[in-house]
Amino acid sequence: MHSLNKKMRVDMNITFPALHCDDLHLDAMDVAGDSQLNIVDTLVKKRLHLDGSILSDEEIRVEANKNARKDSEDQKFKEGVGKLPPDYCGSCYGAEAKEGDCCNTCDDVIDAYKRKRWGSHDVVKSAEQCQREGRTSDRGSKDEPKRMSRGEGCHLSGYMTFKKNAGNFHIAVGEGVERDGRHIHQFVPEDAPNFNASHVIHKLSFGPDYGLDENVMGRTSLDGVSKIVTEANGRTGLFQYFIKIVPTTYKGEEMIGAVAKPGQTTLETNRYFFTERFRPLMVDIIDDEHRELGEKDGHAGAHVGGGTGTGTHAAQEHHQVQNALLPGVFFVYEIFPFAVEVTRQSVPFTHLLIRIMATVGGTFTVMGQVLNLLGDGKKQKRRGR
C-alpha cells in the first residue's frame, strides 16, 4: 500500500533536438485534480543548435541585445499612442490579484491572466489597453501562426515532484491553462504541424537511484529511448508512454550500499514498466477517382495505359489530412496498489555441507539400485541355462 499524501520525485534528462526552449512547457496533472503548469523552478533548459551543441553565451547575449532594442522600440510606440492621465489605472478585467491593482498596458493584462491561469487570447481582442496599442493577439502585433521550427533544439534536465496519484506529465503544443476546471492547451491550429515532438530520453527515474542490476524484477527502462519524427511518419504527432510504477523497498546494507547513508538499511524507491504508442498528426489519404470515358465526356473512349475502347479510368489523388490530436510527449503513469520488498539473504556454510551430503547420498543410493538390478538380471540368466 502507498499513502496518497506522500510525494514522489521524478528525475528527467531529455533532449528535444528540434523544439525551441520557448515552446517547451512541462505540465503535470493527476486524477485528484491537482495540476502544475509550466514547471520551471526545478528544471533547467539549455538551448541547442540543430547539431546538438549548446548555444554559447555570446550567441545568447547578441540575441538578448536584439530583443532589448525591439522592446525599447515597442515601449516608445506605446508611449506615443495617446497620452494617458497621470492617475490612469487600467482594468485587469477580473484578473486582479488584489483590489486596486492596475493593468496599464496590454502586456499587464496578459500577465495578469497568466497568473490566474486564464487564457488571454480573447481578452486581448476587447481590452482597451490592447486596442490602444494596436494589439490583436497575445503573441505580438500580428495574429499570425507561430513558427516553431526556428533552427534550435532544447535540453531539459532536473526533477519534479507530485503526489502518489495516477496522472500524467507532458510537453505539448501551446501553453497549458485551466478553464472551467479543465486543463487545455491554447494554440493556433496552424502551429500544430510545426511542433516537432522528436525526443531522446537520457534518463527518467521515479525515486532515488538505487544503482542495482537492471534485471532485478525485470525492469524495462526508458533510459536511452530515442524517437525522431520525419516527413515519412507525419512530421510530428502524439507520443504516449503508459507507465506502471511499482513501489519497491530494498533492505540490507549490501542491497543499497551504493546510495546508503551511514546506518541506513532501507531504501524506498520505484521501479516501472512501460508500453508506448505513436499517433501521427498528418496522415496520407488516397482518393480513387473513377470517371467513365466515352459518352459522358463527349469523346471517343481510349484507356490511358494502352487499352482501346470505352471503359473506366481510375486516377489516384494523394493528400494529407490532420488528425484531431494534440502533438507532444505524454507520460501517463499509474501506481500499483501493492509494494515489492527486495532483500538479499546469505546461505550458511552448514547448509552448503548438508546439500553436498544429500547430493552424494542420493548418488550412492541410485548407483546401488542400478547395481542390484544388474545383479538380478545375471542370476536369472544362469537359472535359465
Protein backbone atom coordinates (compact mmCIF):
# COMPACT_ATOMS: atom_id res chain seq x y z
CA MET A 1 0.00 0.00 0.00
CA HIS A 2 1.09 3.60 -0.53
CA SER A 3 -0.04 6.85 1.03
CA LEU A 4 -1.79 9.40 -1.17
CA ASN A 5 -0.23 12.18 0.88
CA LYS A 6 3.32 11.12 0.07
CA LYS A 7 5.26 12.88 -2.66
CA MET A 8 7.14 11.17 -5.44
CA ARG A 9 10.14 12.65 -7.20
CA VAL A 10 10.75 12.24 -10.91
CA ASP A 11 14.24 12.88 -12.30
CA MET A 12 14.48 13.52 -16.02
CA ASN A 13 17.08 14.29 -18.64
CA ILE A 14 15.53 14.67 -22.10
CA THR A 15 16.70 16.30 -25.34
CA PHE A 16 14.29 17.76 -27.88
CA PRO A 17 16.53 18.22 -30.94
CA ALA A 18 14.05 20.31 -32.97
CA LEU A 19 11.95 22.13 -30.36
CA HIS A 20 12.80 25.65 -29.18
CA CYS A 21 13.03 26.14 -25.42
CA ASP A 22 10.40 28.90 -25.63
CA ASP A 23 7.91 26.33 -26.92
CA LEU A 24 8.73 23.69 -24.30
CA HIS A 25 6.27 23.76 -21.39
CA LEU A 26 6.09 20.92 -18.86
CA ASP A 27 2.68 20.44 -17.23
CA ALA A 28 1.55 17.80 -14.72
CA MET A 29 -1.89 16.75 -13.54
CA ASP A 30 -3.41 13.83 -11.64
CA VAL A 31 -6.77 12.16 -11.15
CA ALA A 32 -7.37 14.09 -7.92
CA GLY A 33 -7.50 17.35 -9.86
CA ASP A 34 -4.11 18.72 -8.76
CA SER A 35 -2.12 20.32 -11.56
CA GLN A 36 1.17 22.12 -12.11
CA LEU A 37 1.52 24.40 -15.13
CA ASN A 38 4.78 25.27 -16.87
CA ILE A 39 7.08 23.81 -14.21
CA VAL A 40 10.35 25.78 -14.21
CA ASP A 41 11.57 26.03 -10.61
CA THR A 42 13.41 22.71 -10.52
CA LEU A 43 14.17 22.30 -14.23
CA VAL A 44 16.93 23.68 -16.43
CA LYS A 45 16.53 24.39 -20.15
CA LYS A 46 19.56 24.70 -22.42
CA ARG A 47 19.21 25.94 -25.97
CA LEU A 48 20.81 23.74 -28.61
CA HIS A 49 21.87 24.07 -32.22
CA LEU A 50 20.42 21.51 -34.60
CA ASP A 51 23.72 19.61 -34.42
CA GLY A 52 23.20 19.17 -30.65
CA SER A 53 25.79 21.70 -29.45
CA ILE A 54 24.81 24.20 -26.74
CA LEU A 55 24.41 27.86 -27.70
CA SER A 56 27.35 29.91 -26.48
CA ASP A 57 26.99 32.81 -24.05
CA GLU A 58 27.98 35.22 -26.83
CA GLU A 59 25.19 33.98 -29.11
CA ILE A 60 22.62 34.35 -26.35
CA ARG A 61 23.98 37.82 -25.49
CA VAL A 62 23.66 39.01 -29.11
CA GLU A 63 20.09 37.79 -29.31
CA ALA A 64 19.27 39.40 -25.96
CA ASN A 65 20.57 42.74 -27.25
CA LYS A 66 18.38 42.47 -30.34
CA ASN A 67 15.35 41.73 -28.19
CA ALA A 68 16.20 44.63 -25.88
CA ARG A 69 16.29 47.05 -28.82
CA LYS A 70 12.98 45.70 -30.06
CA ASP A 71 11.41 46.06 -26.62
CA SER A 72 12.67 49.64 -26.43
CA GLU A 73 11.10 50.44 -29.78
CA ASP A 74 7.84 48.84 -28.69
CA GLN A 75 7.86 50.87 -25.49
CA LYS A 76 8.38 54.10 -27.41
CA PHE A 77 5.47 53.13 -29.64
CA LYS A 78 3.25 52.53 -26.62
CA GLU A 79 4.22 55.84 -25.06
CA GLY A 80 3.46 57.68 -28.29
CA VAL A 81 -0.02 56.19 -28.75
CA GLY A 82 -2.20 58.58 -26.80
CA LYS A 83 -1.32 60.42 -23.62
CA LEU A 84 -2.77 58.85 -20.50
CA PRO A 85 -3.73 60.92 -17.47
CA PRO A 86 -1.30 60.72 -14.51
CA ASP A 87 -3.84 58.93 -12.33
CA TYR A 88 -4.76 56.37 -15.01
CA CYS A 89 -5.46 52.85 -13.67
CA GLY A 90 -6.45 50.38 -16.34
CA SER A 91 -8.74 47.48 -15.61
CA CYS A 92 -7.38 43.93 -15.37
CA TYR A 93 -10.79 42.58 -16.41
CA GLY A 94 -11.30 40.38 -13.38
CA ALA A 95 -7.70 39.12 -13.12
CA GLU A 96 -6.60 41.50 -10.35
CA ALA A 97 -4.54 39.81 -7.65
CA LYS A 98 -6.00 42.24 -5.09
CA GLU A 99 -8.40 45.15 -5.16
CA GLY A 100 -6.88 48.29 -6.63
CA ASP A 101 -4.40 46.55 -8.96
CA CYS A 102 -3.89 48.32 -12.27
CA CYS A 103 -3.16 46.97 -15.75
CA ASN A 104 -1.95 49.97 -17.75
CA THR A 105 -0.65 48.10 -20.80
CA CYS A 106 -1.75 45.17 -22.88
CA ASP A 107 1.16 43.13 -21.53
CA ASP A 108 -0.04 43.86 -17.98
CA VAL A 109 -3.44 42.40 -18.87
CA ILE A 110 -1.86 39.31 -20.43
CA ASP A 111 0.45 38.77 -17.43
CA ALA A 112 -2.48 39.11 -15.00
CA TYR A 113 -4.42 36.49 -16.91
CA LYS A 114 -1.43 34.13 -16.93
CA ARG A 115 -1.06 34.44 -13.17
CA LYS A 116 -4.70 33.42 -12.86
CA ARG A 117 -4.09 30.53 -15.29
CA TRP A 118 -6.68 32.02 -17.63
CA GLY A 119 -6.47 32.15 -21.38
CA SER A 120 -5.67 35.65 -22.67
CA HIS A 121 -6.45 35.13 -26.34
CA ASP A 122 -10.00 36.55 -26.17
CA VAL A 123 -9.42 39.41 -23.73
CA VAL A 124 -6.68 40.87 -25.95
CA LYS A 125 -9.23 41.48 -28.68
CA SER A 126 -11.51 43.51 -26.40
CA ALA A 127 -9.24 45.10 -23.80
CA GLU A 128 -8.97 48.90 -24.07
CA GLN A 129 -5.21 48.79 -23.47
CA CYS A 130 -4.64 46.35 -26.34
CA GLN A 131 -6.87 48.31 -28.71
CA ARG A 132 -4.95 51.48 -27.88
CA GLU A 133 -1.64 49.73 -28.69
CA GLY A 134 -2.98 48.08 -31.82
CA ARG A 135 -2.55 44.57 -30.43
CA THR A 136 -4.81 41.85 -31.79
CA SER A 137 -3.08 38.82 -30.27
CA ASP A 138 -1.33 37.84 -27.05
CA ARG A 139 1.65 36.84 -29.21
CA GLY A 140 2.57 40.21 -30.62
CA SER A 141 1.37 42.84 -33.00
CA LYS A 142 0.04 40.38 -35.57
CA ASP A 143 -2.25 37.42 -35.16
CA GLU A 144 -0.11 35.01 -37.15
CA PRO A 145 0.76 31.37 -36.64
CA LYS A 146 3.88 30.98 -34.55
CA ARG A 147 6.83 29.49 -36.38
CA MET A 148 8.14 26.82 -34.03
CA SER A 149 10.86 25.38 -36.25
CA ARG A 150 13.47 28.06 -35.61
CA GLY A 151 16.64 26.11 -36.10
CA GLU A 152 17.13 25.22 -32.44
CA GLY A 153 16.63 22.39 -30.01
CA CYS A 154 16.31 22.25 -26.24
CA HIS A 155 17.78 20.12 -23.48
CA LEU A 156 15.58 19.65 -20.40
CA SER A 157 17.01 18.36 -17.13
CA GLY A 158 16.07 18.43 -13.46
CA TYR A 159 13.28 16.98 -11.38
CA MET A 160 9.68 17.48 -10.36
CA THR A 161 7.53 16.18 -7.50
CA PHE A 162 3.88 15.22 -7.30
CA LYS A 163 1.57 13.21 -5.11
CA LYS A 164 1.33 9.46 -5.49
CA ASN A 165 -1.83 9.52 -7.57
CA ALA A 166 -2.34 8.30 -11.10
CA GLY A 167 -1.91 11.05 -13.64
CA ASN A 168 0.36 12.33 -16.38
CA PHE A 169 3.03 14.91 -17.15
CA HIS A 170 3.56 16.14 -20.68
CA ILE A 171 5.20 18.54 -23.11
CA ALA A 172 2.68 19.54 -25.77
CA VAL A 173 1.98 22.28 -28.29
CA GLY A 174 0.64 25.52 -26.83
CA GLU A 175 0.62 26.85 -23.31
CA GLY A 176 -1.44 24.95 -20.76
CA VAL A 177 -4.19 26.84 -18.89
CA GLU A 178 -7.06 25.90 -16.62
CA ARG A 179 -10.54 26.80 -17.76
CA ASP A 180 -13.78 25.68 -16.12
CA GLY A 181 -11.88 23.06 -14.14
CA ARG A 182 -10.31 21.58 -17.26
CA HIS A 183 -6.71 21.55 -18.44
CA ILE A 184 -6.46 22.80 -22.02
CA HIS A 185 -3.71 23.99 -24.37
CA GLN A 186 -4.11 27.21 -26.31
CA PHE A 187 -2.55 27.47 -29.75
CA VAL A 188 -3.35 28.45 -33.30
CA PRO A 189 -4.22 25.29 -35.30
CA GLU A 190 -1.63 26.20 -37.92
CA ASP A 191 1.05 25.82 -35.24
CA ALA A 192 0.47 22.12 -34.71
CA PRO A 193 2.41 20.81 -37.76
CA ASN A 194 5.41 22.93 -36.69
CA PHE A 195 5.63 21.32 -33.23
CA ASN A 196 8.37 18.74 -33.70
CA ALA A 197 7.97 16.23 -30.86
CA SER A 198 11.21 14.33 -31.58
CA HIS A 199 12.98 13.46 -28.34
CA VAL A 200 15.77 11.44 -26.76
CA ILE A 201 15.26 10.25 -23.17
CA HIS A 202 18.66 10.04 -21.50
CA LYS A 203 17.24 9.36 -18.05
CA LEU A 204 13.83 9.01 -16.43
CA SER A 205 13.51 7.65 -12.91
CA PHE A 206 10.85 7.66 -10.21
CA GLY A 207 12.51 7.97 -6.84
CA PRO A 208 16.15 7.67 -5.70
CA ASP A 209 18.62 5.92 -7.93
CA TYR A 210 19.43 2.54 -6.39
CA GLY A 211 22.43 1.60 -8.51
CA LEU A 212 21.41 -2.05 -8.79
CA ASP A 213 21.27 -4.56 -11.59
CA GLU A 214 18.52 -3.53 -14.02
CA ASN A 215 17.50 -7.17 -14.48
CA VAL A 216 16.26 -7.50 -10.89
CA MET A 217 12.46 -7.74 -11.21
CA GLY A 218 12.82 -7.43 -14.98
CA ARG A 219 12.50 -3.66 -15.11
CA THR A 220 12.12 -2.07 -18.54
CA SER A 221 13.72 1.37 -18.53
CA LEU A 222 13.00 4.37 -20.76
CA ASP A 223 16.63 5.44 -20.47
CA GLY A 224 18.13 5.68 -23.95
CA VAL A 225 14.82 5.72 -25.85
CA SER A 226 15.05 7.86 -29.00
CA LYS A 227 12.07 8.92 -31.14
CA ILE A 228 12.63 11.08 -34.23
CA VAL A 229 9.76 12.19 -36.47
CA THR A 230 10.25 12.77 -40.19
CA GLU A 231 8.17 13.55 -43.25
CA ALA A 232 7.57 9.82 -43.66
CA ASN A 233 5.83 9.46 -40.28
CA GLY A 234 3.84 12.66 -40.37
CA ARG A 235 6.49 15.24 -39.27
CA THR A 236 5.04 15.31 -35.78
CA GLY A 237 2.42 13.59 -33.68
CA LEU A 238 1.44 12.30 -30.26
CA PHE A 239 3.88 10.12 -28.32
CA GLN A 240 2.38 8.32 -25.36
CA TYR A 241 4.22 6.27 -22.73
CA PHE A 242 1.96 4.27 -20.41
CA ILE A 243 3.99 3.65 -17.26
CA LYS A 244 3.23 1.19 -14.46
CA ILE A 245 5.07 2.26 -11.31
CA VAL A 246 5.80 -0.37 -8.65
CA PRO A 247 6.79 0.96 -5.18
CA THR A 248 9.90 -1.00 -4.19
CA THR A 249 11.77 -1.21 -0.90
CA TYR A 250 15.35 -2.50 -0.68
CA LYS A 251 16.51 -3.82 2.68
CA GLY A 252 20.01 -4.62 3.82
CA GLU A 253 23.23 -2.62 3.59
CA GLU A 254 24.55 -4.90 0.85
CA MET A 255 21.50 -4.01 -1.29
CA ILE A 256 21.77 -0.22 -1.01
CA GLY A 257 25.47 0.22 -0.43
CA ALA A 258 25.88 2.48 -3.47
CA VAL A 259 23.43 5.12 -2.20
CA ALA A 260 23.04 4.35 1.51
CA LYS A 261 23.78 6.87 4.22
CA PRO A 262 25.70 5.77 7.34
CA GLY A 263 23.49 3.46 9.36
CA GLN A 264 20.81 3.28 6.65
CA THR A 265 19.49 -0.19 5.92
CA THR A 266 16.30 0.58 3.96
CA LEU A 267 15.76 2.41 0.68
CA GLU A 268 12.32 3.25 -0.71
CA THR A 269 12.13 3.88 -4.45
CA ASN A 270 10.12 2.81 -7.51
CA ARG A 271 10.59 0.55 -10.47
CA TYR A 272 8.47 0.79 -13.57
CA PHE A 273 7.33 -0.93 -16.75
CA PHE A 274 6.02 0.83 -19.81
CA THR A 275 4.28 0.44 -23.15
CA GLU A 276 4.27 3.07 -25.87
CA ARG A 277 2.19 4.36 -28.74
CA PHE A 278 2.67 6.94 -31.51
CA ARG A 279 -0.09 8.63 -33.48
CA PRO A 280 0.96 10.85 -36.40
CA LEU A 281 -0.63 14.26 -36.79
CA MET A 282 -0.72 14.14 -40.58
CA VAL A 283 -1.90 11.02 -42.45
CA ASP A 284 -1.95 10.31 -46.17
CA ILE A 285 -5.34 9.83 -47.78
CA ILE A 286 -5.66 8.26 -51.23
CA ASP A 287 -8.84 9.08 -53.10
CA ASP A 288 -9.79 6.89 -56.05
CA GLU A 289 -11.44 8.98 -58.73
CA HIS A 290 -13.41 6.86 -61.17
CA ARG A 291 -14.51 8.58 -64.34
CA GLU A 292 -16.25 6.82 -67.18
CA LEU A 293 -14.93 7.77 -70.56
CA GLY A 294 -16.92 7.93 -73.77
CA GLU A 295 -20.41 9.38 -73.91
CA LYS A 296 -20.22 11.25 -70.58
CA ASP A 297 -17.27 13.42 -71.55
CA GLY A 298 -18.17 13.60 -75.23
CA HIS A 299 -15.04 11.90 -76.55
CA ALA A 300 -14.25 8.57 -78.12
CA GLY A 301 -13.02 6.30 -75.35
CA ALA A 302 -9.36 5.45 -75.08
CA HIS A 303 -7.86 3.85 -71.97
CA VAL A 304 -4.80 5.50 -70.55
CA GLY A 305 -2.12 2.85 -70.50
CA GLY A 306 -2.65 1.14 -73.81
CA GLY A 307 -6.17 -0.34 -73.93
CA THR A 308 -8.73 0.77 -76.51
CA GLY A 309 -12.45 1.21 -76.38
CA THR A 310 -14.76 2.77 -73.82
CA GLY A 311 -14.47 1.88 -70.20
CA THR A 312 -13.39 3.20 -66.79
CA HIS A 313 -10.35 5.29 -65.99
CA ALA A 314 -9.13 5.31 -62.36
CA ALA A 315 -6.92 8.12 -61.07
CA GLN A 316 -5.45 8.28 -57.56
CA GLU A 317 -5.04 11.57 -55.72
CA HIS A 318 -2.78 11.82 -52.66
CA HIS A 319 -3.32 14.42 -49.96
CA GLN A 320 -2.78 14.75 -46.23
CA VAL A 321 -5.37 15.12 -43.50
CA GLN A 322 -4.68 16.43 -39.99
CA ASN A 323 -5.82 14.17 -37.15
CA ALA A 324 -7.66 15.63 -34.17
CA LEU A 325 -4.91 15.17 -31.59
CA LEU A 326 -2.52 17.26 -29.52
CA PRO A 327 1.11 16.89 -30.69
CA GLY A 328 3.53 16.28 -27.85
CA VAL A 329 5.05 13.73 -25.48
CA PHE A 330 2.80 12.36 -22.72
CA PHE A 331 3.95 10.21 -19.81
CA VAL A 332 0.80 8.60 -18.41
CA TYR A 333 1.58 6.83 -15.14
CA GLU A 334 -0.31 4.53 -12.81
CA ILE A 335 0.88 3.38 -9.39
CA PHE A 336 0.39 -0.25 -8.43
CA PRO A 337 -1.63 -0.77 -5.21
CA PHE A 338 0.97 -3.20 -3.86
CA ALA A 339 4.66 -2.84 -3.00
CA VAL A 340 7.66 -5.10 -3.50
CA GLU A 341 10.33 -5.73 -0.88
CA VAL A 342 13.75 -6.91 -2.03
CA THR A 343 16.29 -8.41 0.39
CA ARG A 344 19.40 -10.49 -0.05
CA GLN A 345 19.93 -13.50 2.21
CA SER A 346 23.19 -15.41 2.53
CA VAL A 347 23.18 -19.22 2.95
CA PRO A 348 25.19 -20.50 5.99
CA PHE A 349 28.12 -22.85 5.33
CA THR A 350 26.41 -25.67 7.21
CA HIS A 351 23.52 -25.53 4.73
CA LEU A 352 26.03 -25.98 1.93
CA LEU A 353 27.53 -29.05 3.63
CA ILE A 354 24.08 -30.58 4.15
CA ARG A 355 23.24 -30.05 0.45
CA ILE A 356 26.54 -31.65 -0.63
CA MET A 357 25.97 -34.65 1.65
CA ALA A 358 22.41 -35.05 0.40
CA THR A 359 23.64 -34.97 -3.19
CA VAL A 360 26.38 -37.55 -2.54
CA GLY A 361 23.99 -39.80 -0.58
CA GLY A 362 21.43 -39.64 -3.36
CA THR A 363 24.08 -40.55 -5.90
CA PHE A 364 25.17 -43.65 -3.91
CA THR A 365 21.54 -44.70 -3.46
CA VAL A 366 20.82 -44.52 -7.18
CA MET A 367 24.05 -46.38 -8.05
CA GLY A 368 23.18 -49.12 -5.53
CA GLN A 369 19.78 -49.63 -7.12
CA VAL A 370 21.34 -49.84 -10.57
CA LEU A 371 23.86 -52.48 -9.39
CA ASN A 372 21.09 -54.53 -7.74
CA LEU A 373 19.10 -54.54 -10.98
CA LEU A 374 22.15 -55.66 -12.95
CA GLY A 375 22.86 -58.45 -10.39
CA ASP A 376 19.28 -59.78 -10.52
CA GLY A 377 19.48 -59.91 -14.32
CA LYS A 378 22.61 -62.08 -14.26
CA LYS A 379 21.05 -64.54 -11.76
CA GLN A 380 18.01 -65.01 -13.96
CA LYS A 381 20.19 -65.80 -16.99
CA ARG A 382 22.07 -68.50 -15.04
CA ARG A 383 18.86 -70.19 -13.91
CA GLY A 384 17.61 -70.20 -17.47
CA ARG A 385 20.60 -72.26 -18.56
